[in-house]
Amino acid sequence: MQYTAANIQFVPSQRVLSWFYHSQSGSSSTSLRNRNSYSPEQTPYTRLSNSAKSSPPNEPPTKIEKRKANTLAARRYRQKRVDQMSGLEAELKEVKADRDEWKVRCAKLEGEVEALRALLGSHK
């Protein structure tokens, strides 16, 4: 497939541009990998703000950029799943505590009912 500006909406971030231009100069990929670590909020596909836009040619995302974006997406997904499980575990703990309180209250009331029945039976 031929990539043209008409069929690609990729706008590279400053980090991607930096990586792209450094990779063209023949530097090693290991040092680039260490220099270009992305936070979960910054992906290679992050759009630039109006003030930071430059006019380099629109380049298609490379396999490395796609892999980095996918790695970050997977990391965000795993963190979201961990957070969701933590929330569910906390909710379960609260529900179990409420259930235990109601069991205790129920047992007290059943004891009170039995004591009252005993009193009522002894008065007949």
PDB file of N, CA and C in Angstrom:
ATOM      1  N   MET A   1       0.849  -1.184   0.000  1.00  0.00           N
ATOM      2  CA  MET A   1       0.000   0.000   0.000  1.00  0.00           C
ATOM      3  C   MET A   1       0.885   1.234   0.000  1.00  0.00           C
ATOM      4  N   GLN A   2       0.547   2.174  -0.798  1.00  0.00           N
ATOM      5  CA  GLN A   2       1.294   3.434  -0.888  1.00  0.00           C
ATOM      6  C   GLN A   2       0.745   4.408   0.155  1.00  0.00           C
ATOM      7  N   TYR A   3       1.583   4.915   1.029  1.00  0.00           N
ATOM      8  CA  TYR A   3       1.159   5.856   2.058  1.00  0.00           C
ATOM      9  C   TYR A   3       1.214   7.270   1.504  1.00  0.00           C
ATOM     10  N   THR A   4       0.086   7.942   1.595  1.00  0.00           N
ATOM     11  CA  THR A   4       0.020   9.342   1.188  1.00  0.00           C
ATOM     12  C   THR A   4      -0.655  10.125   2.296  1.00  0.00           C
ATOM     13  N   ALA A   5      -0.587  11.433   2.201  1.00  0.00           N
ATOM     14  CA  ALA A   5      -1.220  12.281   3.212  1.00  0.00           C
ATOM     15  C   ALA A   5      -2.720  12.075   3.213  1.00  0.00           C
ATOM     16  N   ALA A   6      -3.293  11.614   2.125  1.00  0.00           N
ATOM     17  CA  ALA A   6      -4.741  11.423   2.041  1.00  0.00           C
ATOM     18  C   ALA A   6      -5.216  10.224   2.849  1.00  0.00           C
ATOM     19  N   ASN A   7      -4.408   9.165   2.955  1.00  0.00           N
ATOM     20  CA  ASN A   7      -4.879   7.982   3.660  1.00  0.00           C
ATOM     21  C   ASN A   7      -4.224   7.764   5.030  1.00  0.00           C
ATOM     22  N   ILE A   8      -3.450   8.719   5.515  1.00  0.00           N
ATOM     23  CA  ILE A   8      -2.827   8.618   6.840  1.00  0.00           C
ATOM     24  C   ILE A   8      -3.162   9.860   7.647  1.00  0.00           C
ATOM     25  N   GLN A   9      -3.574   9.631   8.899  1.00  0.00           N
ATOM     26  CA  GLN A   9      -3.849  10.757   9.785  1.00  0.00           C
ATOM     27  C   GLN A   9      -2.884  10.776  10.953  1.00  0.00           C
ATOM     28  N   PHE A  10      -1.756  10.147  10.816  1.00  0.00           N
ATOM     29  CA  PHE A  10      -0.745  10.094  11.863  1.00  0.00           C
ATOM     30  C   PHE A  10      -0.022  11.423  11.959  1.00  0.00           C
ATOM     31  N   VAL A  11       0.017  11.979  13.188  1.00  0.00           N
ATOM     32  CA  VAL A  11       0.792  13.200  13.432  1.00  0.00           C
ATOM     33  C   VAL A  11       1.823  12.835  14.492  1.00  0.00           C
ATOM     34  N   PRO A  12       3.091  12.733  14.141  1.00  0.00           N
ATOM     35  CA  PRO A  12       4.097  12.281  15.094  1.00  0.00           C
ATOM     36  C   PRO A  12       4.343  13.307  16.204  1.00  0.00           C
ATOM     37  N   SER A  13       4.626  12.788  17.406  1.00  0.00           N
ATOM     38  CA  SER A  13       4.964  13.664  18.522  1.00  0.00           C
ATOM     39  C   SER A  13       6.427  14.083  18.400  1.00  0.00           C
ATOM     40  N   GLN A  14       6.849  15.006  19.244  1.00  0.00           N
ATOM     41  CA  GLN A  14       8.239  15.470  19.224  1.00  0.00           C
ATOM     42  C   GLN A  14       9.198  14.309  19.472  1.00  0.00           C
ATOM     43  N   ARG A  15       8.831  13.380  20.368  1.00  0.00           N
ATOM     44  CA  ARG A  15       9.702  12.249  20.661  1.00  0.00           C
ATOM     45  C   ARG A  15       9.869  11.352  19.445  1.00  0.00           C
ATOM     46  N   VAL A  16       8.784  11.128  18.734  1.00  0.00           N
ATOM     47  CA  VAL A  16       8.862  10.288  17.545  1.00  0.00           C
ATOM     48  C   VAL A  16       9.727  10.959  16.498  1.00  0.00           C
ATOM     49  N   LEU A  17       9.535  12.259  16.327  1.00  0.00           N
ATOM     50  CA  LEU A  17      10.351  12.976  15.361  1.00  0.00           C
ATOM     51  C   LEU A  17      11.820  12.902  15.737  1.00  0.00           C
ATOM     52  N   SER A  18      12.095  13.084  17.030  1.00  0.00           N
ATOM     53  CA  SER A  18      13.469  13.005  17.505  1.00  0.00           C
ATOM     54  C   SER A  18      14.025  11.618  17.233  1.00  0.00           C
ATOM     55  N   TRP A  19      13.245  10.598  17.546  1.00  0.00           N
ATOM     56  CA  TRP A  19      13.679   9.225  17.313  1.00  0.00           C
ATOM     57  C   TRP A  19      13.919   8.988  15.822  1.00  0.00           C
ATOM     58  N   PHE A  20      12.991   9.468  15.000  1.00  0.00           N
ATOM     59  CA  PHE A  20      13.094   9.244  13.563  1.00  0.00           C
ATOM     60  C   PHE A  20      14.371   9.875  13.002  1.00  0.00           C
ATOM     61  N   TYR A  21      14.612  11.130  13.363  1.00  0.00           N
ATOM     62  CA  TYR A  21      15.784  11.805  12.815  1.00  0.00           C
ATOM     63  C   TYR A  21      17.085  11.224  13.358  1.00  0.00           C
ATOM     64  N   HIS A  22      17.082  10.755  14.626  1.00  0.00           N
ATOM     65  CA  HIS A  22      18.276  10.131  15.188  1.00  0.00           C
ATOM     66  C   HIS A  22      18.518   8.773  14.545  1.00  0.00           C
ATOM     67  N   SER A  23      17.440   8.049  14.242  1.00  0.00           N
ATOM     68  CA  SER A  23      17.619   6.721  13.652  1.00  0.00           C
ATOM     69  C   SER A  23      18.162   6.833  12.228  1.00  0.00           C
ATOM     70  N   GLN A  24      17.881   7.920  11.562  1.00  0.00           N
ATOM     71  CA  GLN A  24      18.395   8.130  10.210  1.00  0.00           C
ATOM     72  C   GLN A  24      19.901   8.391  10.212  1.00  0.00           C
ATOM     73  N   SER A  25      20.410   8.888  11.349  1.00  0.00           N
ATOM     74  CA  SER A  25      21.836   9.208  11.402  1.00  0.00           C
ATOM     75  C   SER A  25      22.689   7.995  11.742  1.00  0.00           C
ATOM     76  N   GLY A  26      22.051   6.828  11.984  1.00  0.00           N
ATOM     77  CA  GLY A  26      22.815   5.594  12.199  1.00  0.00           C
ATOM     78  C   GLY A  26      23.144   5.300  13.644  1.00  0.00           C
ATOM     79  N   SER A  27      22.498   5.927  14.606  1.00  0.00           N
ATOM     80  CA  SER A  27      22.779   5.614  16.001  1.00  0.00           C
ATOM     81  C   SER A  27      22.146   4.276  16.347  1.00  0.00           C
ATOM     82  N   SER A  28      22.604   3.667  17.419  1.00  0.00           N
ATOM     83  CA  SER A  28      22.150   2.324  17.756  1.00  0.00           C
ATOM     84  C   SER A  28      20.729   2.349  18.301  1.00  0.00           C
ATOM     85  N   SER A  29      19.988   1.265  18.049  1.00  0.00           N
ATOM     86  CA  SER A  29      18.602   1.191  18.505  1.00  0.00           C
ATOM     87  C   SER A  29      18.526   1.012  20.012  1.00  0.00           C
ATOM     88  N   THR A  30      19.553   0.422  20.647  1.00  0.00           N
ATOM     89  CA  THR A  30      19.542   0.228  22.088  1.00  0.00           C
ATOM     90  C   THR A  30      19.575   1.564  22.804  1.00  0.00           C
ATOM     91  N   SER A  31      20.443   2.460  22.379  1.00  0.00           N
ATOM     92  CA  SER A  31      20.510   3.760  23.036  1.00  0.00           C
ATOM     93  C   SER A  31      19.238   4.550  22.774  1.00  0.00           C
ATOM     94  N   LEU A  32      18.621   4.367  21.606  1.00  0.00           N
ATOM     95  CA  LEU A  32      17.361   5.055  21.318  1.00  0.00           C
ATOM     96  C   LEU A  32      16.249   4.533  22.202  1.00  0.00           C
ATOM     97  N   ARG A  33      16.246   3.230  22.423  1.00  0.00           N
ATOM     98  CA  ARG A  33      15.207   2.636  23.241  1.00  0.00           C
ATOM     99  C   ARG A  33      15.286   3.197  24.655  1.00  0.00           C
ATOM    100  N   ASN A  34      16.478   3.386  25.192  1.00  0.00           N
ATOM    101  CA  ASN A  34      16.652   3.922  26.530  1.00  0.00           C
ATOM    102  C   ASN A  34      16.278   5.399  26.595  1.00  0.00           C
ATOM    103  N   ARG A  35      16.573   6.161  25.552  1.00  0.00           N
ATOM    104  CA  ARG A  35      16.285   7.592  25.558  1.00  0.00           C
ATOM    105  C   ARG A  35      14.817   7.879  25.347  1.00  0.00           C
ATOM    106  N   ASN A  36      14.118   7.017  24.637  1.00  0.00           N
ATOM    107  CA  ASN A  36      12.736   7.292  24.249  1.00  0.00           C
ATOM    108  C   ASN A  36      11.759   6.406  24.988  1.00  0.00           C
ATOM    109  N   SER A  37      11.704   6.507  26.301  1.00  0.00           N
ATOM    110  CA  SER A  37      10.683   5.776  27.037  1.00  0.00           C
ATOM    111  C   SER A  37       9.474   6.685  27.165  1.00  0.00           C
ATOM    112  N   TYR A  38       8.319   6.131  26.869  1.00  0.00           N
ATOM    113  CA  TYR A  38       7.087   6.910  26.883  1.00  0.00           C
ATOM    114  C   TYR A  38       6.335   6.674  28.172  1.00  0.00           C
ATOM    115  N   SER A  39       5.721   7.711  28.702  1.00  0.00           N
ATOM    116  CA  SER A  39       4.811   7.544  29.820  1.00  0.00           C
ATOM    117  C   SER A  39       3.487   7.075  29.248  1.00  0.00           C
ATOM    118  N   PRO A  40       2.566   6.507  30.079  1.00  0.00           N
ATOM    119  CA  PRO A  40       1.284   6.048  29.548  1.00  0.00           C
ATOM    120  C   PRO A  40       0.477   7.151  28.873  1.00  0.00           C
ATOM    121  N   GLU A  41       0.707   8.407  29.267  1.00  0.00           N
ATOM    122  CA  GLU A  41      -0.038   9.506  28.655  1.00  0.00           C
ATOM    123  C   GLU A  41       0.543   9.893  27.299  1.00  0.00           C
ATOM    124  N   GLN A  42       1.820   9.581  27.061  1.00  0.00           N
ATOM    125  CA  GLN A  42       2.464   9.955  25.809  1.00  0.00           C
ATOM    126  C   GLN A  42       2.637   8.716  24.955  1.00  0.00           C
ATOM    127  N   THR A  43       2.031   8.705  23.818  1.00  0.00           N
ATOM    128  CA  THR A  43       2.218   7.605  22.890  1.00  0.00           C
ATOM    129  C   THR A  43       2.836   8.158  21.624  1.00  0.00           C
ATOM    130  N   PRO A  44       3.350   7.305  20.789  1.00  0.00           N
ATOM    131  CA  PRO A  44       3.900   7.803  19.535  1.00  0.00           C
ATOM    132  C   PRO A  44       2.830   8.447  18.662  1.00  0.00           C
ATOM    133  N   TYR A  45       1.583   8.214  18.975  1.00  0.00           N
ATOM    134  CA  TYR A  45       0.497   8.744  18.163  1.00  0.00           C
ATOM    135  C   TYR A  45      -0.128   9.999  18.772  1.00  0.00           C
ATOM    136  N   THR A  46       0.493  10.556  19.819  1.00  0.00           N
ATOM    137  CA  THR A  46      -0.026  11.753  20.457  1.00  0.00           C
ATOM    138  C   THR A  46       0.024  12.928  19.484  1.00  0.00           C
ATOM    139  N   ARG A  47      -1.071  13.641  19.382  1.00  0.00           N
ATOM    140  CA  ARG A  47      -1.100  14.800  18.493  1.00  0.00           C
ATOM    141  C   ARG A  47      -0.407  15.975  19.177  1.00  0.00           C
ATOM    142  N   LEU A  48       0.266  16.769  18.390  1.00  0.00           N
ATOM    143  CA  LEU A  48       0.963  17.938  18.908  1.00  0.00           C
ATOM    144  C   LEU A  48      -0.025  19.071  19.123  1.00  0.00           C
ATOM    145  N   SER A  49       0.260  19.908  20.113  1.00  0.00           N
ATOM    146  CA  SER A  49      -0.576  21.096  20.290  1.00  0.00           C
ATOM    147  C   SER A  49      -0.262  22.088  19.171  1.00  0.00           C
ATOM    148  N   ASN A  50      -1.122  23.071  18.974  1.00  0.00           N
ATOM    149  CA  ASN A  50      -0.937  24.038  17.891  1.00  0.00           C
ATOM    150  C   ASN A  50       0.386  24.786  17.994  1.00  0.00           C
ATOM    151  N   SER A  51       0.819  25.063  19.239  1.00  0.00           N
ATOM    152  CA  SER A  51       2.045  25.837  19.408  1.00  0.00           C
ATOM    153  C   SER A  51       3.294  25.005  19.122  1.00  0.00           C
ATOM    154  N   ALA A  52       3.214  23.667  19.237  1.00  0.00           N
ATOM    155  CA  ALA A  52       4.391  22.825  19.075  1.00  0.00           C
ATOM    156  C   ALA A  52       4.451  22.155  17.707  1.00  0.00           C
ATOM    157  N   LYS A  53       3.538  22.449  16.803  1.00  0.00           N
ATOM    158  CA  LYS A  53       3.530  21.793  15.500  1.00  0.00           C
ATOM    159  C   LYS A  53       4.696  22.268  14.648  1.00  0.00           C
ATOM    160  N   SER A  54       5.273  21.316  13.979  1.00  0.00           N
ATOM    161  CA  SER A  54       6.305  21.632  12.999  1.00  0.00           C
ATOM    162  C   SER A  54       5.843  21.027  11.679  1.00  0.00           C
ATOM    163  N   SER A  55       6.576  21.259  10.616  1.00  0.00           N
ATOM    164  CA  SER A  55       6.096  20.778   9.327  1.00  0.00           C
ATOM    165  C   SER A  55       7.029  19.767   8.675  1.00  0.00           C
ATOM    166  N   PRO A  56       7.395  18.662   9.412  1.00  0.00           N
ATOM    167  CA  PRO A  56       8.150  17.613   8.747  1.00  0.00           C
ATOM    168  C   PRO A  56       7.192  16.773   7.896  1.00  0.00           C
ATOM    169  N   PRO A  57       7.705  15.970   7.011  1.00  0.00           N
ATOM    170  CA  PRO A  57       6.824  15.152   6.182  1.00  0.00           C
ATOM    171  C   PRO A  57       6.070  14.139   7.031  1.00  0.00           C
ATOM    172  N   ASN A  58       4.836  13.836   6.649  1.00  0.00           N
ATOM    173  CA  ASN A  58       4.038  12.836   7.353  1.00  0.00           C
ATOM    174  C   ASN A  58       4.609  11.461   7.060  1.00  0.00           C
ATOM    175  N   GLU A  59       5.127  10.786   8.074  1.00  0.00           N
ATOM    176  CA  GLU A  59       5.722   9.471   7.893  1.00  0.00           C
ATOM    177  C   GLU A  59       4.774   8.418   8.455  1.00  0.00           C
ATOM    178  N   PRO A  60       4.675   7.265   7.825  1.00  0.00           N
ATOM    179  CA  PRO A  60       3.841   6.194   8.377  1.00  0.00           C
ATOM    180  C   PRO A  60       4.484   5.652   9.644  1.00  0.00           C
ATOM    181  N   PRO A  61       3.676   5.165  10.581  1.00  0.00           N
ATOM    182  CA  PRO A  61       4.249   4.623  11.812  1.00  0.00           C
ATOM    183  C   PRO A  61       5.072   3.366  11.498  1.00  0.00           C
ATOM    184  N   THR A  62       6.235   3.277  12.094  1.00  0.00           N
ATOM    185  CA  THR A  62       7.102   2.128  11.856  1.00  0.00           C
ATOM    186  C   THR A  62       6.710   1.000  12.793  1.00  0.00           C
ATOM    187  N   LYS A  63       7.297  -0.170  12.581  1.00  0.00           N
ATOM    188  CA  LYS A  63       7.004  -1.314  13.443  1.00  0.00           C
ATOM    189  C   LYS A  63       7.390  -1.013  14.890  1.00  0.00           C
ATOM    190  N   ILE A  64       8.501  -0.324  15.083  1.00  0.00           N
ATOM    191  CA  ILE A  64       8.954   0.002  16.437  1.00  0.00           C
ATOM    192  C   ILE A  64       7.963   0.938  17.115  1.00  0.00           C
ATOM    193  N   GLU A  65       7.500   1.957  16.388  1.00  0.00           N
ATOM    194  CA  GLU A  65       6.513   2.892  16.951  1.00  0.00           C
ATOM    195  C   GLU A  65       5.224   2.162  17.290  1.00  0.00           C
ATOM    196  N   LYS A  66       4.787   1.285  16.398  1.00  0.00           N
ATOM    197  CA  LYS A  66       3.563   0.523  16.656  1.00  0.00           C
ATOM    198  C   LYS A  66       3.739  -0.384  17.865  1.00  0.00           C
ATOM    199  N   ARG A  67       4.906  -1.012  17.969  1.00  0.00           N
ATOM    200  CA  ARG A  67       5.162  -1.897  19.102  1.00  0.00           C
ATOM    201  C   ARG A  67       5.165  -1.114  20.406  1.00  0.00           C
ATOM    202  N   LYS A  68       5.793   0.076  20.399  1.00  0.00           N
ATOM    203  CA  LYS A  68       5.802   0.903  21.607  1.00  0.00           C
ATOM    204  C   LYS A  68       4.391   1.325  21.984  1.00  0.00           C
ATOM    205  N   ALA A  69       3.606   1.729  20.996  1.00  0.00           N
ATOM    206  CA  ALA A  69       2.225   2.140  21.275  1.00  0.00           C
ATOM    207  C   ALA A  69       1.427   0.966  21.816  1.00  0.00           C
ATOM    208  N   ASN A  70       1.630  -0.210  21.241  1.00  0.00           N
ATOM    209  CA  ASN A  70       0.914  -1.399  21.703  1.00  0.00           C
ATOM    210  C   ASN A  70       1.337  -1.781  23.112  1.00  0.00           C
ATOM    211  N   THR A  71       2.637  -1.669  23.397  1.00  0.00           N
ATOM    212  CA  THR A  71       3.133  -1.967  24.739  1.00  0.00           C
ATOM    213  C   THR A  71       2.503  -1.040  25.771  1.00  0.00           C
ATOM    214  N   LEU A  72       2.416   0.238  25.432  1.00  0.00           N
ATOM    215  CA  LEU A  72       1.808   1.205  26.351  1.00  0.00           C
ATOM    216  C   LEU A  72       0.318   0.929  26.526  1.00  0.00           C
ATOM    217  N   ALA A  73      -0.356   0.588  25.450  1.00  0.00           N
ATOM    218  CA  ALA A  73      -1.784   0.269  25.541  1.00  0.00           C
ATOM    219  C   ALA A  73      -1.988  -0.968  26.409  1.00  0.00           C
ATOM    220  N   ALA A  74      -1.141  -1.966  26.247  1.00  0.00           N
ATOM    221  CA  ALA A  74      -1.236  -3.174  27.069  1.00  0.00           C
ATOM    222  C   ALA A  74      -0.977  -2.849  28.535  1.00  0.00           C
ATOM    223  N   ARG A  75      -0.003  -1.977  28.784  1.00  0.00           N
ATOM    224  CA  ARG A  75       0.304  -1.577  30.165  1.00  0.00           C
ATOM    225  C   ARG A  75      -0.886  -0.860  30.797  1.00  0.00           C
ATOM    226  N   ARG A  76      -1.495   0.058  30.027  1.00  0.00           N
ATOM    227  CA  ARG A  76      -2.675   0.758  30.545  1.00  0.00           C
ATOM    228  C   ARG A  76      -3.815  -0.219  30.816  1.00  0.00           C
ATOM    229  N   TYR A  77      -4.023  -1.181  29.931  1.00  0.00           N
ATOM    230  CA  TYR A  77      -5.083  -2.170  30.104  1.00  0.00           C
ATOM    231  C   TYR A  77      -4.835  -3.006  31.355  1.00  0.00           C
ATOM    232  N   ARG A  78      -3.598  -3.470  31.536  1.00  0.00           N
ATOM    233  CA  ARG A  78      -3.295  -4.281  32.725  1.00  0.00           C
ATOM    234  C   ARG A  78      -3.491  -3.478  34.000  1.00  0.00           C
ATOM    235  N   GLN A  79      -3.075  -2.201  33.991  1.00  0.00           N
ATOM    236  CA  GLN A  79      -3.257  -1.368  35.178  1.00  0.00           C
ATOM    237  C   GLN A  79      -4.741  -1.141  35.452  1.00  0.00           C
ATOM    238  N   LYS A  80      -5.509  -0.921  34.406  1.00  0.00           N
ATOM    239  CA  LYS A  80      -6.954  -0.723  34.555  1.00  0.00           C
ATOM    240  C   LYS A  80      -7.593  -1.973  35.162  1.00  0.00           C
ATOM    241  N   ARG A  81      -7.164  -3.144  34.702  1.00  0.00           N
ATOM    242  CA  ARG A  81      -7.701  -4.399  35.226  1.00  0.00           C
ATOM    243  C   ARG A  81      -7.320  -4.570  36.697  1.00  0.00           C
ATOM    244  N   VAL A  82      -6.081  -4.236  37.071  1.00  0.00           N
ATOM    245  CA  VAL A  82      -5.645  -4.330  38.469  1.00  0.00           C
ATOM    246  C   VAL A  82      -6.463  -3.373  39.330  1.00  0.00           C
ATOM    247  N   ASP A  83      -6.663  -2.147  38.857  1.00  0.00           N
ATOM    248  CA  ASP A  83      -7.452  -1.166  39.607  1.00  0.00           C
ATOM    249  C   ASP A  83      -8.889  -1.644  39.784  1.00  0.00           C
ATOM    250  N   GLN A  84      -9.452  -2.216  38.728  1.00  0.00           N
ATOM    251  CA  GLN A  84     -10.828  -2.708  38.804  1.00  0.00           C
ATOM    252  C   GLN A  84     -10.929  -3.844  39.816  1.00  0.00           C
ATOM    253  N   MET A  85      -9.966  -4.761  39.790  1.00  0.00           N
ATOM    254  CA  MET A  85      -9.978  -5.875  40.753  1.00  0.00           C
ATOM    255  C   MET A  85      -9.814  -5.360  42.179  1.00  0.00           C
ATOM    256  N   SER A  86      -8.965  -4.371  42.373  1.00  0.00           N
ATOM    257  CA  SER A  86      -8.784  -3.800  43.709  1.00  0.00           C
ATOM    258  C   SER A  86     -10.084  -3.182  44.206  1.00  0.00           C
ATOM    259  N   GLY A  87     -10.763  -2.474  43.317  1.00  0.00           N
ATOM    260  CA  GLY A  87     -12.045  -1.872  43.689  1.00  0.00           C
ATOM    261  C   GLY A  87     -13.080  -2.918  44.046  1.00  0.00           C
ATOM    262  N   LEU A  88     -13.135  -3.989  43.251  1.00  0.00           N
ATOM    263  CA  LEU A  88     -14.087  -5.060  43.539  1.00  0.00           C
ATOM    264  C   LEU A  88     -13.762  -5.773  44.848  1.00  0.00           C
ATOM    265  N   GLU A  89     -12.469  -5.975  45.117  1.00  0.00           N
ATOM    266  CA  GLU A  89     -12.075  -6.617  46.377  1.00  0.00           C
ATOM    267  C   GLU A  89     -12.435  -5.743  47.572  1.00  0.00           C
ATOM    268  N   ALA A  90     -12.250  -4.431  47.453  1.00  0.00           N
ATOM    269  CA  ALA A  90     -12.613  -3.520  48.545  1.00  0.00           C
ATOM    270  C   ALA A  90     -14.121  -3.538  48.770  1.00  0.00           C
ATOM    271  N   GLU A  91     -14.882  -3.542  47.681  1.00  0.00           N
ATOM    272  CA  GLU A  91     -16.342  -3.586  47.794  1.00  0.00           C
ATOM    273  C   GLU A  91     -16.793  -4.902  48.430  1.00  0.00           C
ATOM    274  N   LEU A  92     -16.160  -6.001  48.048  1.00  0.00           N
ATOM    275  CA  LEU A  92     -16.488  -7.304  48.621  1.00  0.00           C
ATOM    276  C   LEU A  92     -16.219  -7.307  50.124  1.00  0.00           C
ATOM    277  N   LYS A  93     -15.114  -6.705  50.520  1.00  0.00           N
ATOM    278  CA  LYS A  93     -14.761  -6.640  51.941  1.00  0.00           C
ATOM    279  C   LYS A  93     -15.830  -5.867  52.724  1.00  0.00           C
ATOM    280  N   GLU A  94     -16.293  -4.742  52.156  1.00  0.00           N
ATOM    281  CA  GLU A  94     -17.345  -3.957  52.804  1.00  0.00           C
ATOM    282  C   GLU A  94     -18.636  -4.756  52.921  1.00  0.00           C
ATOM    283  N   VAL A  95     -19.024  -5.436  51.845  1.00  0.00           N
ATOM    284  CA  VAL A  95     -20.273  -6.211  51.845  1.00  0.00           C
ATOM    285  C   VAL A  95     -20.190  -7.346  52.861  1.00  0.00           C
ATOM    286  N   LYS A  96     -19.037  -8.001  52.951  1.00  0.00           N
ATOM    287  CA  LYS A  96     -18.875  -9.075  53.935  1.00  0.00           C
ATOM    288  C   LYS A  96     -18.974  -8.527  55.356  1.00  0.00           C
ATOM    289  N   ALA A  97     -18.392  -7.361  55.600  1.00  0.00           N
ATOM    290  CA  ALA A  97     -18.479  -6.750  56.932  1.00  0.00           C
ATOM    291  C   ALA A  97     -19.932  -6.418  57.273  1.00  0.00           C
ATOM    292  N   ASP A  98     -20.673  -5.858  56.301  1.00  0.00           N
ATOM    293  CA  ASP A  98     -22.102  -5.566  56.530  1.00  0.00           C
ATOM    294  C   ASP A  98     -22.875  -6.845  56.813  1.00  0.00           C
ATOM    295  N   ARG A  99     -22.589  -7.890  56.024  1.00  0.00           N
ATOM    296  CA  ARG A  99     -23.269  -9.169  56.219  1.00  0.00           C
ATOM    297  C   ARG A  99     -23.013  -9.707  57.621  1.00  0.00           C
ATOM    298  N   ASP A 100     -21.766  -9.630  58.088  1.00  0.00           N
ATOM    299  CA  ASP A 100     -21.431 -10.122  59.424  1.00  0.00           C
ATOM    300  C   ASP A 100     -22.148  -9.311  60.506  1.00  0.00           C
ATOM    301  N   GLU A 101     -22.262  -7.991  60.318  1.00  0.00           N
ATOM    302  CA  GLU A 101     -22.994  -7.155  61.280  1.00  0.00           C
ATOM    303  C   GLU A 101     -24.467  -7.563  61.339  1.00  0.00           C
ATOM    304  N   TRP A 102     -25.059  -7.806  60.173  1.00  0.00           N
ATOM    305  CA  TRP A 102     -26.472  -8.213  60.141  1.00  0.00           C
ATOM    306  C   TRP A 102     -26.664  -9.593  60.756  1.00  0.00           C
ATOM    307  N   LYS A 103     -25.716 -10.506  60.594  1.00  0.00           N
ATOM    308  CA  LYS A 103     -25.821 -11.829  61.223  1.00  0.00           C
ATOM    309  C   LYS A 103     -25.808 -11.709  62.746  1.00  0.00           C
ATOM    310  N   VAL A 104     -24.920 -10.851  63.247  1.00  0.00           N
ATOM    311  CA  VAL A 104     -24.843 -10.638  64.695  1.00  0.00           C
ATOM    312  C   VAL A 104     -26.145 -10.033  65.202  1.00  0.00           C
ATOM    313  N   ARG A 105     -26.649  -9.034  64.498  1.00  0.00           N
ATOM    314  CA  ARG A 105     -27.901  -8.388  64.902  1.00  0.00           C
ATOM    315  C   ARG A 105     -29.061  -9.384  64.861  1.00  0.00           C
ATOM    316  N   CYS A 106     -29.080 -10.215  63.828  1.00  0.00           N
ATOM    317  CA  CYS A 106     -30.126 -11.230  63.695  1.00  0.00           C
ATOM    318  C   CYS A 106     -30.064 -12.217  64.870  1.00  0.00           C
ATOM    319  N   ALA A 107     -28.861 -12.660  65.214  1.00  0.00           N
ATOM    320  CA  ALA A 107     -28.700 -13.609  66.319  1.00  0.00           C
ATOM    321  C   ALA A 107     -29.170 -12.990  67.632  1.00  0.00           C
ATOM    322  N   LYS A 108     -28.845 -11.711  67.859  1.00  0.00           N
ATOM    323  CA  LYS A 108     -29.290 -11.028  69.081  1.00  0.00           C
ATOM    324  C   LYS A 108     -30.809 -10.960  69.135  1.00  0.00           C
ATOM    325  N   LEU A 109     -31.428 -10.583  68.007  1.00  0.00           N
ATOM    326  CA  LEU A 109     -32.884 -10.468  67.972  1.00  0.00           C
ATOM    327  C   LEU A 109     -33.559 -11.827  68.142  1.00  0.00           C
ATOM    328  N   GLU A 110     -32.977 -12.881  67.564  1.00  0.00           N
ATOM    329  CA  GLU A 110     -33.551 -14.218  67.744  1.00  0.00           C
ATOM    330  C   GLU A 110     -33.464 -14.639  69.206  1.00  0.00           C
ATOM    331  N   GLY A 111     -32.345 -14.295  69.845  1.00  0.00           N
ATOM    332  CA  GLY A 111     -32.214 -14.590  71.280  1.00  0.00           C
ATOM    333  C   GLY A 111     -33.240 -13.809  72.096  1.00  0.00           C
ATOM    334  N   GLU A 112     -33.464 -12.558  71.736  1.00  0.00           N
ATOM    335  CA  GLU A 112     -34.443 -11.734  72.444  1.00  0.00           C
ATOM    336  C   GLU A 112     -35.855 -12.288  72.238  1.00  0.00           C
ATOM    337  N   VAL A 113     -36.164 -12.702  71.019  1.00  0.00           N
ATOM    338  CA  VAL A 113     -37.477 -13.276  70.728  1.00  0.00           C
ATOM    339  C   VAL A 113     -37.680 -14.540  71.552  1.00  0.00           C
ATOM    340  N   GLU A 114     -36.672 -15.395  71.619  1.00  0.00           N
ATOM    341  CA  GLU A 114     -36.799 -16.629  72.400  1.00  0.00           C
ATOM    342  C   GLU A 114     -36.984 -16.329  73.880  1.00  0.00           C
ATOM    343  N   ALA A 115     -36.267 -15.341  74.398  1.00  0.00           N
ATOM    344  CA  ALA A 115     -36.406 -14.971  75.811  1.00  0.00           C
ATOM    345  C   ALA A 115     -37.805 -14.437  76.079  1.00  0.00           C
ATOM    346  N   LEU A 116     -38.331 -13.617  75.154  1.00  0.00           N
ATOM    347  CA  LEU A 116     -39.685 -13.073  75.336  1.00  0.00           C
ATOM    348  C   LEU A 116     -40.739 -14.184  75.261  1.00  0.00           C
ATOM    349  N   ARG A 117     -40.528 -15.146  74.355  1.00  0.00           N
ATOM    350  CA  ARG A 117     -41.473 -16.273  74.268  1.00  0.00           C
ATOM    351  C   ARG A 117     -41.460 -17.088  75.540  1.00  0.00           C
ATOM    352  N   ALA A 118     -40.252 -17.259  76.093  1.00  0.00           N
ATOM    353  CA  ALA A 118     -40.145 -17.986  77.353  1.00  0.00           C
ATOM    354  C   ALA A 118     -40.883 -17.262  78.463  1.00  0.00           C
ATOM    355  N   LEU A 119     -40.741 -15.943  78.530  1.00  0.00           N
ATOM    356  CA  LEU A 119     -41.447 -15.158  79.538  1.00  0.00           C
ATOM    357  C   LEU A 119     -42.956 -15.261  79.331  1.00  0.00           C
ATOM    358  N   LEU A 120     -43.391 -15.179  78.069  1.00  0.00           N
ATOM    359  CA  LEU A 120     -44.811 -15.241  77.752  1.00  0.00           C
ATOM    360  C   LEU A 120     -45.366 -16.624  78.107  1.00  0.00           C
ATOM    361  N   GLY A 121     -44.599 -17.674  77.857  1.00  0.00           N
ATOM    362  CA  GLY A 121     -45.029 -19.031  78.161  1.00  0.00           C
ATOM    363  C   GLY A 121     -45.093 -19.257  79.661  1.00  0.00           C
ATOM    364  N   SER A 122     -44.234 -18.619  80.437  1.00  0.00           N
ATOM    365  CA  SER A 122     -44.227 -18.826  81.895  1.00  0.00           C
ATOM    366  C   SER A 122     -45.358 -18.069  82.557  1.00  0.00           C
ATOM    367  N   HIS A 123     -45.954 -17.069  81.903  1.00  0.00           N
ATOM    368  CA  HIS A 123     -47.039 -16.291  82.483  1.00  0.00           C
ATOM    369  C   HIS A 123     -48.386 -16.949  82.241  1.00  0.00           C
ATOM    370  N   LYS A 124     -48.483 -17.914  81.385  1.00  0.00           N
ATOM    371  CA  LYS A 124     -49.766 -18.563  81.105  1.00  0.00           C
ATOM    372  C   LYS A 124     -50.134 -19.525  82.155  1.00  0.00           C
TER     373      LYS A 124
END
